[in-house]
PDB file of N, CA and C in Angstrom:
ATOM      1  N   MET A   1     -19.351  47.646  13.061  1.00  0.00           N
ATOM      2  CA  MET A   1     -19.166  46.242  13.347  1.00  0.00           C
ATOM      3  C   MET A   1     -19.806  45.372  12.256  1.00  0.00           C
ATOM      4  N   LEU A   2     -20.987  45.755  11.809  1.00  0.00           N
ATOM      5  CA  LEU A   2     -21.661  44.992  10.762  1.00  0.00           C
ATOM      6  C   LEU A   2     -20.829  44.987   9.484  1.00  0.00           C
ATOM      7  N   PHE A   3     -20.292  46.152   9.118  1.00  0.00           N
ATOM      8  CA  PHE A   3     -19.468  46.247   7.914  1.00  0.00           C
ATOM      9  C   PHE A   3     -18.259  45.326   8.023  1.00  0.00           C
ATOM     10  N   ARG A   4     -17.626  45.332   9.191  1.00  0.00           N
ATOM     11  CA  ARG A   4     -16.462  44.469   9.406  1.00  0.00           C
ATOM     12  C   ARG A   4     -16.863  43.003   9.301  1.00  0.00           C
ATOM     13  N   GLY A   5     -18.022  42.656   9.860  1.00  0.00           N
ATOM     14  CA  GLY A   5     -18.508  41.284   9.773  1.00  0.00           C
ATOM     15  C   GLY A   5     -18.744  40.848   8.339  1.00  0.00           C
ATOM     16  N   LEU A   6     -19.258  41.742   7.514  1.00  0.00           N
ATOM     17  CA  LEU A   6     -19.486  41.426   6.110  1.00  0.00           C
ATOM     18  C   LEU A   6     -18.169  41.219   5.374  1.00  0.00           C
ATOM     19  N   LYS A   7     -17.137  41.979   5.745  1.00  0.00           N
ATOM     20  CA  LYS A   7     -15.825  41.780   5.122  1.00  0.00           C
ATOM     21  C   LYS A   7     -15.266  40.400   5.498  1.00  0.00           C
ATOM     22  N   VAL A   8     -15.399  40.018   6.765  1.00  0.00           N
ATOM     23  CA  VAL A   8     -14.933  38.700   7.195  1.00  0.00           C
ATOM     24  C   VAL A   8     -15.711  37.626   6.453  1.00  0.00           C
ATOM     25  N   GLU A   9     -17.008  37.820   6.337  1.00  0.00           N
ATOM     26  CA  GLU A   9     -17.876  36.870   5.636  1.00  0.00           C
ATOM     27  C   GLU A   9     -17.412  36.665   4.198  1.00  0.00           C
ATOM     28  N   SER A  10     -16.919  37.721   3.576  1.00  0.00           N
ATOM     29  CA  SER A  10     -16.514  37.628   2.178  1.00  0.00           C
ATOM     30  C   SER A  10     -15.288  36.734   1.981  1.00  0.00           C
ATOM     31  N   MET A  11     -14.502  36.506   3.026  1.00  0.00           N
ATOM     32  CA  MET A  11     -13.314  35.665   2.858  1.00  0.00           C
ATOM     33  C   MET A  11     -13.614  34.191   3.071  1.00  0.00           C
ATOM     34  N   ILE A  12     -14.770  33.874   3.622  1.00  0.00           N
ATOM     35  CA  ILE A  12     -15.121  32.478   3.886  1.00  0.00           C
ATOM     36  C   ILE A  12     -15.522  31.814   2.579  1.00  0.00           C
ATOM     37  N   GLN A  13     -14.889  30.704   2.315  1.00  0.00           N
ATOM     38  CA  GLN A  13     -15.224  29.911   1.138  1.00  0.00           C
ATOM     39  C   GLN A  13     -16.023  28.717   1.640  1.00  0.00           C
ATOM     40  N   TYR A  14     -17.310  28.773   1.473  1.00  0.00           N
ATOM     41  CA  TYR A  14     -18.160  27.723   2.011  1.00  0.00           C
ATOM     42  C   TYR A  14     -17.919  26.409   1.286  1.00  0.00           C
ATOM     43  N   PRO A  15     -17.837  25.343   2.056  1.00  0.00           N
ATOM     44  CA  PRO A  15     -17.580  24.026   1.463  1.00  0.00           C
ATOM     45  C   PRO A  15     -18.742  23.550   0.589  1.00  0.00           C
ATOM     46  N   THR A  16     -18.448  22.550  -0.195  1.00  0.00           N
ATOM     47  CA  THR A  16     -19.447  21.980  -1.085  1.00  0.00           C
ATOM     48  C   THR A  16     -20.178  20.824  -0.414  1.00  0.00           C
ATOM     49  N   ARG A  17     -20.770  19.964  -1.207  1.00  0.00           N
ATOM     50  CA  ARG A  17     -21.605  18.896  -0.669  1.00  0.00           C
ATOM     51  C   ARG A  17     -20.870  17.986   0.317  1.00  0.00           C
ATOM     52  N   ASN A  18     -21.661  17.261   1.069  1.00  0.00           N
ATOM     53  CA  ASN A  18     -21.186  16.347   2.117  1.00  0.00           C
ATOM     54  C   ASN A  18     -20.514  17.043   3.286  1.00  0.00           C
ATOM     55  N   ARG A  19     -20.759  18.358   3.423  1.00  0.00           N
ATOM     56  CA  ARG A  19     -20.195  19.112   4.533  1.00  0.00           C
ATOM     57  C   ARG A  19     -21.272  19.983   5.159  1.00  0.00           C
ATOM     58  N   LEU A  20     -21.253  20.010   6.469  1.00  0.00           N
ATOM     59  CA  LEU A  20     -22.095  20.941   7.210  1.00  0.00           C
ATOM     60  C   LEU A  20     -21.164  22.028   7.718  1.00  0.00           C
ATOM     61  N   TYR A  21     -21.363  23.257   7.228  1.00  0.00           N
ATOM     62  CA  TYR A  21     -20.507  24.369   7.627  1.00  0.00           C
ATOM     63  C   TYR A  21     -21.094  25.047   8.861  1.00  0.00           C
ATOM     64  N   ILE A  22     -20.275  25.215   9.876  1.00  0.00           N
ATOM     65  CA  ILE A  22     -20.682  25.880  11.113  1.00  0.00           C
ATOM     66  C   ILE A  22     -20.164  27.309  11.051  1.00  0.00           C
ATOM     67  N   GLY A  23     -21.076  28.261  11.033  1.00  0.00           N
ATOM     68  CA  GLY A  23     -20.679  29.657  10.934  1.00  0.00           C
ATOM     69  C   GLY A  23     -21.161  30.467  12.118  1.00  0.00           C
ATOM     70  N   HIS A  24     -20.308  31.352  12.598  1.00  0.00           N
ATOM     71  CA  HIS A  24     -20.654  32.313  13.647  1.00  0.00           C
ATOM     72  C   HIS A  24     -21.088  31.659  14.952  1.00  0.00           C
ATOM     73  N   LEU A  25     -20.418  30.591  15.331  1.00  0.00           N
ATOM     74  CA  LEU A  25     -20.701  29.945  16.607  1.00  0.00           C
ATOM     75  C   LEU A  25     -20.014  30.727  17.711  1.00  0.00           C
ATOM     76  N   GLY A  26     -20.735  31.030  18.751  1.00  0.00           N
ATOM     77  CA  GLY A  26     -20.148  31.751  19.876  1.00  0.00           C
ATOM     78  C   GLY A  26     -20.958  31.526  21.145  1.00  0.00           C
ATOM     79  N   VAL A  27     -20.303  31.678  22.268  1.00  0.00           N
ATOM     80  CA  VAL A  27     -20.935  31.554  23.579  1.00  0.00           C
ATOM     81  C   VAL A  27     -20.651  32.842  24.347  1.00  0.00           C
ATOM     82  N   LYS A  28     -21.673  33.394  24.948  1.00  0.00           N
ATOM     83  CA  LYS A  28     -21.500  34.628  25.720  1.00  0.00           C
ATOM     84  C   LYS A  28     -20.404  34.437  26.762  1.00  0.00           C
ATOM     85  N   PRO A  29     -19.572  35.452  26.961  1.00  0.00           N
ATOM     86  CA  PRO A  29     -18.442  35.309  27.895  1.00  0.00           C
ATOM     87  C   PRO A  29     -18.843  34.798  29.275  1.00  0.00           C
ATOM     88  N   GLU A  30     -19.956  35.268  29.797  1.00  0.00           N
ATOM     89  CA  GLU A  30     -20.354  34.838  31.151  1.00  0.00           C
ATOM     90  C   GLU A  30     -20.833  33.388  31.206  1.00  0.00           C
ATOM     91  N   LEU A  31     -21.053  32.756  30.042  1.00  0.00           N
ATOM     92  CA  LEU A  31     -21.501  31.357  30.006  1.00  0.00           C
ATOM     93  C   LEU A  31     -20.393  30.393  29.578  1.00  0.00           C
ATOM     94  N   ARG A  32     -19.226  30.941  29.262  1.00  0.00           N
ATOM     95  CA  ARG A  32     -18.120  30.081  28.825  1.00  0.00           C
ATOM     96  C   ARG A  32     -17.642  29.202  29.979  1.00  0.00           C
ATOM     97  N   GLY A  33     -17.059  28.066  29.611  1.00  0.00           N
ATOM     98  CA  GLY A  33     -16.562  27.132  30.620  1.00  0.00           C
ATOM     99  C   GLY A  33     -17.619  26.166  31.119  1.00  0.00           C
ATOM    100  N   GLN A  34     -18.800  26.188  30.516  1.00  0.00           N
ATOM    101  CA  GLN A  34     -19.894  25.310  30.942  1.00  0.00           C
ATOM    102  C   GLN A  34     -20.180  24.215  29.909  1.00  0.00           C
ATOM    103  N   GLU A  35     -19.240  23.998  28.996  1.00  0.00           N
ATOM    104  CA  GLU A  35     -19.358  22.942  27.983  1.00  0.00           C
ATOM    105  C   GLU A  35     -20.461  23.209  26.951  1.00  0.00           C
ATOM    106  N   ILE A  36     -20.911  24.451  26.835  1.00  0.00           N
ATOM    107  CA  ILE A  36     -21.979  24.792  25.889  1.00  0.00           C
ATOM    108  C   ILE A  36     -21.487  24.649  24.448  1.00  0.00           C
ATOM    109  N   GLY A  37     -20.314  25.182  24.141  1.00  0.00           N
ATOM    110  CA  GLY A  37     -19.764  25.062  22.793  1.00  0.00           C
ATOM    111  C   GLY A  37     -19.578  23.611  22.392  1.00  0.00           C
ATOM    112  N   ARG A  38     -19.056  22.810  23.303  1.00  0.00           N
ATOM    113  CA  ARG A  38     -18.857  21.379  23.047  1.00  0.00           C
ATOM    114  C   ARG A  38     -20.196  20.695  22.751  1.00  0.00           C
ATOM    115  N   ALA A  39     -21.209  21.014  23.551  1.00  0.00           N
ATOM    116  CA  ALA A  39     -22.536  20.411  23.367  1.00  0.00           C
ATOM    117  C   ALA A  39     -23.143  20.812  22.020  1.00  0.00           C
ATOM    118  N   LEU A  40     -22.963  22.078  21.631  1.00  0.00           N
ATOM    119  CA  LEU A  40     -23.492  22.538  20.346  1.00  0.00           C
ATOM    120  C   LEU A  40     -22.836  21.793  19.183  1.00  0.00           C
ATOM    121  N   ILE A  41     -21.526  21.647  19.233  1.00  0.00           N
ATOM    122  CA  ILE A  41     -20.812  20.935  18.170  1.00  0.00           C
ATOM    123  C   ILE A  41     -21.247  19.473  18.132  1.00  0.00           C
ATOM    124  N   GLN A  42     -21.376  18.845  19.293  1.00  0.00           N
ATOM    125  CA  GLN A  42     -21.796  17.444  19.324  1.00  0.00           C
ATOM    126  C   GLN A  42     -23.209  17.273  18.769  1.00  0.00           C
ATOM    127  N   GLN A  43     -24.085  18.223  19.062  1.00  0.00           N
ATOM    128  CA  GLN A  43     -25.444  18.180  18.515  1.00  0.00           C
ATOM    129  C   GLN A  43     -25.421  18.313  16.993  1.00  0.00           C
ATOM    130  N   MET A  44     -24.570  19.209  16.481  1.00  0.00           N
ATOM    131  CA  MET A  44     -24.454  19.376  15.036  1.00  0.00           C
ATOM    132  C   MET A  44     -23.917  18.110  14.381  1.00  0.00           C
ATOM    133  N   CYS A  45     -23.022  17.432  15.074  1.00  0.00           N
ATOM    134  CA  CYS A  45     -22.477  16.174  14.566  1.00  0.00           C
ATOM    135  C   CYS A  45     -23.588  15.135  14.446  1.00  0.00           C
ATOM    136  N   GLU A  46     -24.443  15.039  15.436  1.00  0.00           N
ATOM    137  CA  GLU A  46     -25.568  14.093  15.392  1.00  0.00           C
ATOM    138  C   GLU A  46     -26.525  14.444  14.253  1.00  0.00           C
ATOM    139  N   MET A  47     -26.805  15.722  14.075  1.00  0.00           N
ATOM    140  CA  MET A  47     -27.675  16.158  12.982  1.00  0.00           C
ATOM    141  C   MET A  47     -27.066  15.780  11.631  1.00  0.00           C
ATOM    142  N   ALA A  48     -25.758  15.971  11.500  1.00  0.00           N
ATOM    143  CA  ALA A  48     -25.081  15.648  10.249  1.00  0.00           C
ATOM    144  C   ALA A  48     -25.144  14.148   9.970  1.00  0.00           C
ATOM    145  N   LYS A  49     -24.951  13.328  10.999  1.00  0.00           N
ATOM    146  CA  LYS A  49     -25.024  11.873  10.824  1.00  0.00           C
ATOM    147  C   LYS A  49     -26.391  11.461  10.292  1.00  0.00           C
ATOM    148  N   GLU A  50     -27.447  12.046  10.843  1.00  0.00           N
ATOM    149  CA  GLU A  50     -28.811  11.719  10.415  1.00  0.00           C
ATOM    150  C   GLU A  50     -29.033  12.057   8.948  1.00  0.00           C
ATOM    151  N   LYS A  51     -28.304  13.030   8.442  1.00  0.00           N
ATOM    152  CA  LYS A  51     -28.469  13.474   7.053  1.00  0.00           C
ATOM    153  C   LYS A  51     -27.370  12.913   6.143  1.00  0.00           C
ATOM    154  N   ASN A  52     -26.604  11.944   6.655  1.00  0.00           N
ATOM    155  CA  ASN A  52     -25.521  11.306   5.901  1.00  0.00           C
ATOM    156  C   ASN A  52     -24.484  12.304   5.400  1.00  0.00           C
ATOM    157  N   ILE A  53     -24.202  13.300   6.197  1.00  0.00           N
ATOM    158  CA  ILE A  53     -23.161  14.278   5.885  1.00  0.00           C
ATOM    159  C   ILE A  53     -21.844  13.755   6.448  1.00  0.00           C
ATOM    160  N   GLN A  54     -20.793  13.854   5.663  1.00  0.00           N
ATOM    161  CA  GLN A  54     -19.515  13.253   6.048  1.00  0.00           C
ATOM    162  C   GLN A  54     -18.614  14.143   6.885  1.00  0.00           C
ATOM    163  N   TYR A  55     -18.733  15.472   6.734  1.00  0.00           N
ATOM    164  CA  TYR A  55     -17.815  16.384   7.418  1.00  0.00           C
ATOM    165  C   TYR A  55     -18.550  17.538   8.074  1.00  0.00           C
ATOM    166  N   LEU A  56     -18.002  17.993   9.190  1.00  0.00           N
ATOM    167  CA  LEU A  56     -18.330  19.297   9.750  1.00  0.00           C
ATOM    168  C   LEU A  56     -17.143  20.182   9.392  1.00  0.00           C
ATOM    169  N   SER A  57     -17.400  21.434   9.092  1.00  0.00           N
ATOM    170  CA  SER A  57     -16.298  22.346   8.801  1.00  0.00           C
ATOM    171  C   SER A  57     -16.608  23.722   9.373  1.00  0.00           C
ATOM    172  N   LEU A  58     -15.551  24.499   9.591  1.00  0.00           N
ATOM    173  CA  LEU A  58     -15.701  25.832  10.172  1.00  0.00           C
ATOM    174  C   LEU A  58     -14.436  26.629   9.946  1.00  0.00           C
ATOM    175  N   ASP A  59     -14.536  27.910  10.188  1.00  0.00           N
ATOM    176  CA  ASP A  59     -13.380  28.805  10.201  1.00  0.00           C
ATOM    177  C   ASP A  59     -13.266  29.374  11.607  1.00  0.00           C
ATOM    178  N   VAL A  60     -12.044  29.453  12.114  1.00  0.00           N
ATOM    179  CA  VAL A  60     -11.806  30.015  13.444  1.00  0.00           C
ATOM    180  C   VAL A  60     -10.658  31.023  13.334  1.00  0.00           C
ATOM    181  N   ALA A  61     -10.826  32.167  13.987  1.00  0.00           N
ATOM    182  CA  ALA A  61      -9.784  33.195  13.972  1.00  0.00           C
ATOM    183  C   ALA A  61      -8.501  32.635  14.578  1.00  0.00           C
ATOM    184  N   THR A  62      -7.372  32.936  13.954  1.00  0.00           N
ATOM    185  CA  THR A  62      -6.094  32.437  14.467  1.00  0.00           C
ATOM    186  C   THR A  62      -5.821  32.970  15.872  1.00  0.00           C
ATOM    187  N   LYS A  63      -6.409  34.109  16.215  1.00  0.00           N
ATOM    188  CA  LYS A  63      -6.223  34.681  17.557  1.00  0.00           C
ATOM    189  C   LYS A  63      -7.107  34.020  18.611  1.00  0.00           C
ATOM    190  N   ASN A  64      -8.060  33.183  18.185  1.00  0.00           N
ATOM    191  CA  ASN A  64      -8.999  32.562  19.116  1.00  0.00           C
ATOM    192  C   ASN A  64      -8.509  31.166  19.496  1.00  0.00           C
ATOM    193  N   SER A  65      -7.447  31.130  20.286  1.00  0.00           N
ATOM    194  CA  SER A  65      -6.821  29.846  20.633  1.00  0.00           C
ATOM    195  C   SER A  65      -7.728  28.969  21.490  1.00  0.00           C
ATOM    196  N   MET A  66      -8.562  29.573  22.322  1.00  0.00           N
ATOM    197  CA  MET A  66      -9.477  28.754  23.144  1.00  0.00           C
ATOM    198  C   MET A  66     -10.441  27.969  22.264  1.00  0.00           C
ATOM    199  N   ALA A  67     -11.023  28.633  21.278  1.00  0.00           N
ATOM    200  CA  ALA A  67     -11.960  27.947  20.384  1.00  0.00           C
ATOM    201  C   ALA A  67     -11.235  26.886  19.563  1.00  0.00           C
ATOM    202  N   GLN A  68     -10.064  27.228  19.038  1.00  0.00           N
ATOM    203  CA  GLN A  68      -9.339  26.253  18.233  1.00  0.00           C
ATOM    204  C   GLN A  68      -8.963  25.032  19.062  1.00  0.00           C
ATOM    205  N   THR A  69      -8.576  25.236  20.309  1.00  0.00           N
ATOM    206  CA  THR A  69      -8.255  24.108  21.183  1.00  0.00           C
ATOM    207  C   THR A  69      -9.472  23.211  21.373  1.00  0.00           C
ATOM    208  N   LEU A  70     -10.644  23.815  21.597  1.00  0.00           N
ATOM    209  CA  LEU A  70     -11.873  23.028  21.744  1.00  0.00           C
ATOM    210  C   LEU A  70     -12.124  22.208  20.479  1.00  0.00           C
ATOM    211  N   TYR A  71     -12.030  22.842  19.316  1.00  0.00           N
ATOM    212  CA  TYR A  71     -12.298  22.126  18.071  1.00  0.00           C
ATOM    213  C   TYR A  71     -11.306  20.980  17.868  1.00  0.00           C
ATOM    214  N   GLU A  72     -10.048  21.209  18.201  1.00  0.00           N
ATOM    215  CA  GLU A  72      -9.046  20.144  18.072  1.00  0.00           C
ATOM    216  C   GLU A  72      -9.338  19.002  19.041  1.00  0.00           C
ATOM    217  N   GLU A  73      -9.767  19.321  20.259  1.00  0.00           N
ATOM    218  CA  GLU A  73     -10.144  18.285  21.232  1.00  0.00           C
ATOM    219  C   GLU A  73     -11.301  17.434  20.713  1.00  0.00           C
ATOM    220  N   LEU A  74     -12.187  18.054  19.944  1.00  0.00           N
ATOM    221  CA  LEU A  74     -13.336  17.348  19.385  1.00  0.00           C
ATOM    222  C   LEU A  74     -12.990  16.574  18.114  1.00  0.00           C
ATOM    223  N   GLY A  75     -11.775  16.750  17.606  1.00  0.00           N
ATOM    224  CA  GLY A  75     -11.337  15.992  16.441  1.00  0.00           C
ATOM    225  C   GLY A  75     -11.207  16.787  15.154  1.00  0.00           C
ATOM    226  N   PHE A  76     -11.422  18.099  15.198  1.00  0.00           N
ATOM    227  CA  PHE A  76     -11.241  18.934  14.013  1.00  0.00           C
ATOM    228  C   PHE A  76      -9.755  19.057  13.700  1.00  0.00           C
ATOM    229  N   VAL A  77      -9.444  19.160  12.409  1.00  0.00           N
ATOM    230  CA  VAL A  77      -8.069  19.291  11.942  1.00  0.00           C
ATOM    231  C   VAL A  77      -7.975  20.553  11.075  1.00  0.00           C
ATOM    232  N   VAL A  78      -6.918  21.333  11.295  1.00  0.00           N
ATOM    233  CA  VAL A  78      -6.681  22.513  10.465  1.00  0.00           C
ATOM    234  C   VAL A  78      -6.297  22.040   9.071  1.00  0.00           C
ATOM    235  N   LYS A  79      -7.031  22.537   8.076  1.00  0.00           N
ATOM    236  CA  LYS A  79      -6.774  22.172   6.685  1.00  0.00           C
ATOM    237  C   LYS A  79      -6.139  23.301   5.889  1.00  0.00           C
ATOM    238  N   ALA A  80      -6.353  24.543   6.326  1.00  0.00           N
ATOM    239  CA  ALA A  80      -5.796  25.670   5.575  1.00  0.00           C
ATOM    240  C   ALA A  80      -5.762  26.919   6.438  1.00  0.00           C
ATOM    241  N   LEU A  81      -4.814  27.782   6.127  1.00  0.00           N
ATOM    242  CA  LEU A  81      -4.767  29.123   6.709  1.00  0.00           C
ATOM    243  C   LEU A  81      -5.387  30.056   5.686  1.00  0.00           C
ATOM    244  N   ARG A  82      -6.354  30.850   6.128  1.00  0.00           N
ATOM    245  CA  ARG A  82      -7.013  31.803   5.241  1.00  0.00           C
ATOM    246  C   ARG A  82      -6.664  33.214   5.690  1.00  0.00           C
ATOM    247  N   PRO A  83      -5.674  33.813   5.049  1.00  0.00           N
ATOM    248  CA  PRO A  83      -5.301  35.181   5.427  1.00  0.00           C
ATOM    249  C   PRO A  83      -6.412  36.159   5.064  1.00  0.00           C
ATOM    250  N   PHE A  84      -6.598  37.153   5.912  1.00  0.00           N
ATOM    251  CA  PHE A  84      -7.579  38.189   5.622  1.00  0.00           C
ATOM    252  C   PHE A  84      -6.916  39.208   4.709  1.00  0.00           C
ATOM    253  N   LYS A  85      -7.473  39.408   3.522  1.00  0.00           N
ATOM    254  CA  LYS A  85      -6.822  40.185   2.470  1.00  0.00           C
ATOM    255  C   LYS A  85      -7.173  41.664   2.472  1.00  0.00           C
ATOM    256  N   TYR A  86      -8.151  42.076   3.238  1.00  0.00           N
ATOM    257  CA  TYR A  86      -8.688  43.421   3.076  1.00  0.00           C
ATOM    258  C   TYR A  86      -8.322  44.356   4.220  1.00  0.00           C
ATOM    259  N   GLN A  87      -7.130  44.230   4.777  1.00  0.00           N
ATOM    260  CA  GLN A  87      -6.718  45.080   5.884  1.00  0.00           C
ATOM    261  C   GLN A  87      -6.600  46.533   5.428  1.00  0.00           C
ATOM    262  N   GLN A  88      -7.033  47.423   6.299  1.00  0.00           N
ATOM    263  CA  GLN A  88      -6.878  48.854   6.043  1.00  0.00           C
ATOM    264  C   GLN A  88      -6.081  49.444   7.194  1.00  0.00           C
ATOM    265  N   PRO A  89      -5.012  50.171   6.901  1.00  0.00           N
ATOM    266  CA  PRO A  89      -4.135  50.688   7.960  1.00  0.00           C
ATOM    267  C   PRO A  89      -4.856  51.503   9.029  1.00  0.00           C
ATOM    268  N   SER A  90      -5.897  52.194   8.654  1.00  0.00           N
ATOM    269  CA  SER A  90      -6.594  53.054   9.618  1.00  0.00           C
ATOM    270  C   SER A  90      -7.655  52.312  10.429  1.00  0.00           C
ATOM    271  N   LYS A  91      -7.884  51.055  10.128  1.00  0.00           N
ATOM    272  CA  LYS A  91      -8.937  50.279  10.795  1.00  0.00           C
ATOM    273  C   LYS A  91      -8.320  49.221  11.710  1.00  0.00           C
ATOM    274  N   GLN A  92      -9.138  48.750  12.648  1.00  0.00           N
ATOM    275  CA  GLN A  92      -8.692  47.659  13.519  1.00  0.00           C
ATOM    276  C   GLN A  92      -8.483  46.410  12.660  1.00  0.00           C
ATOM    277  N   PRO A  93      -7.337  45.744  12.793  1.00  0.00           N
ATOM    278  CA  PRO A  93      -7.067  44.585  11.943  1.00  0.00           C
ATOM    279  C   PRO A  93      -8.017  43.420  12.228  1.00  0.00           C
ATOM    280  N   VAL A  94      -8.316  42.684  11.179  1.00  0.00           N
ATOM    281  CA  VAL A  94      -9.133  41.485  11.282  1.00  0.00           C
ATOM    282  C   VAL A  94      -8.182  40.300  11.230  1.00  0.00           C
ATOM    283  N   SER A  95      -8.388  39.360  12.113  1.00  0.00           N
ATOM    284  CA  SER A  95      -7.511  38.209  12.221  1.00  0.00           C
ATOM    285  C   SER A  95      -7.625  37.278  11.011  1.00  0.00           C
ATOM    286  N   ASP A  96      -6.529  36.615  10.689  1.00  0.00           N
ATOM    287  CA  ASP A  96      -6.575  35.525   9.724  1.00  0.00           C
ATOM    288  C   ASP A  96      -7.390  34.392  10.348  1.00  0.00           C
ATOM    289  N   HIS A  97      -7.780  33.417   9.516  1.00  0.00           N
ATOM    290  CA  HIS A  97      -8.589  32.299  10.000  1.00  0.00           C
ATOM    291  C   HIS A  97      -7.960  30.970   9.609  1.00  0.00           C
ATOM    292  N   HIS A  98      -8.236  29.961  10.428  1.00  0.00           N
ATOM    293  CA  HIS A  98      -7.920  28.587  10.064  1.00  0.00           C
ATOM    294  C   HIS A  98      -9.211  27.927   9.614  1.00  0.00           C
ATOM    295  N   TYR A  99      -9.161  27.242   8.472  1.00  0.00           N
ATOM    296  CA  TYR A  99     -10.271  26.417   8.029  1.00  0.00           C
ATOM    297  C   TYR A  99     -10.041  25.047   8.634  1.00  0.00           C
ATOM    298  N   MET A 100     -11.066  24.509   9.315  1.00  0.00           N
ATOM    299  CA  MET A 100     -10.928  23.224  10.004  1.00  0.00           C
ATOM    300  C   MET A 100     -12.039  22.274   9.570  1.00  0.00           C
ATOM    301  N   GLU A 101     -11.724  20.983   9.555  1.00  0.00           N
ATOM    302  CA  GLU A 101     -12.711  19.966   9.217  1.00  0.00           C
ATOM    303  C   GLU A 101     -12.693  18.836  10.236  1.00  0.00           C
ATOM    304  N   TYR A 102     -13.848  18.200  10.353  1.00  0.00           N
ATOM    305  CA  TYR A 102     -14.002  17.017  11.207  1.00  0.00           C
ATOM    306  C   TYR A 102     -14.686  15.939  10.392  1.00  0.00           C
ATOM    307  N   LEU A 103     -14.063  14.774  10.311  1.00  0.00           N
ATOM    308  CA  LEU A 103     -14.641  13.630   9.602  1.00  0.00           C
ATOM    309  C   LEU A 103     -15.582  12.904  10.558  1.00  0.00           C
ATOM    310  N   ILE A 104     -16.854  12.825  10.186  1.00  0.00           N
ATOM    311  CA  ILE A 104     -17.857  12.165  11.029  1.00  0.00           C
ATOM    312  C   ILE A 104     -17.726  10.660  10.851  1.00  0.00           C
ATOM    313  N   LYS A 105     -17.627   9.975  11.982  1.00  0.00           N
ATOM    314  CA  LYS A 105     -17.437   8.512  11.950  1.00  0.00           C
ATOM    315  C   LYS A 105     -18.715   7.781  12.250  1.00  0.00           C
TER     316      LYS A 105
END
């Protein structure tokens, strides 16, 4: 699992200045549906405002429609599709990702 995580990490192109990149955000399955993810993103938005950061950005697996829906509800917009380039036929496939951004107002 760690090796697979490092491969996924290698495809992420971290944004440059004026962006706060959110990486590896997750909520335990038994705690989902309690607005925890929403609260975490909103807290990060407040932190970014205090530091005069203009954007929040993240990558979300294309197969993770629940997370993408949450991010879209919060105002994130898909900016790019990032295909996973390192698939191996004998291994479990890794999902492509959407790169998303949110303009802090």
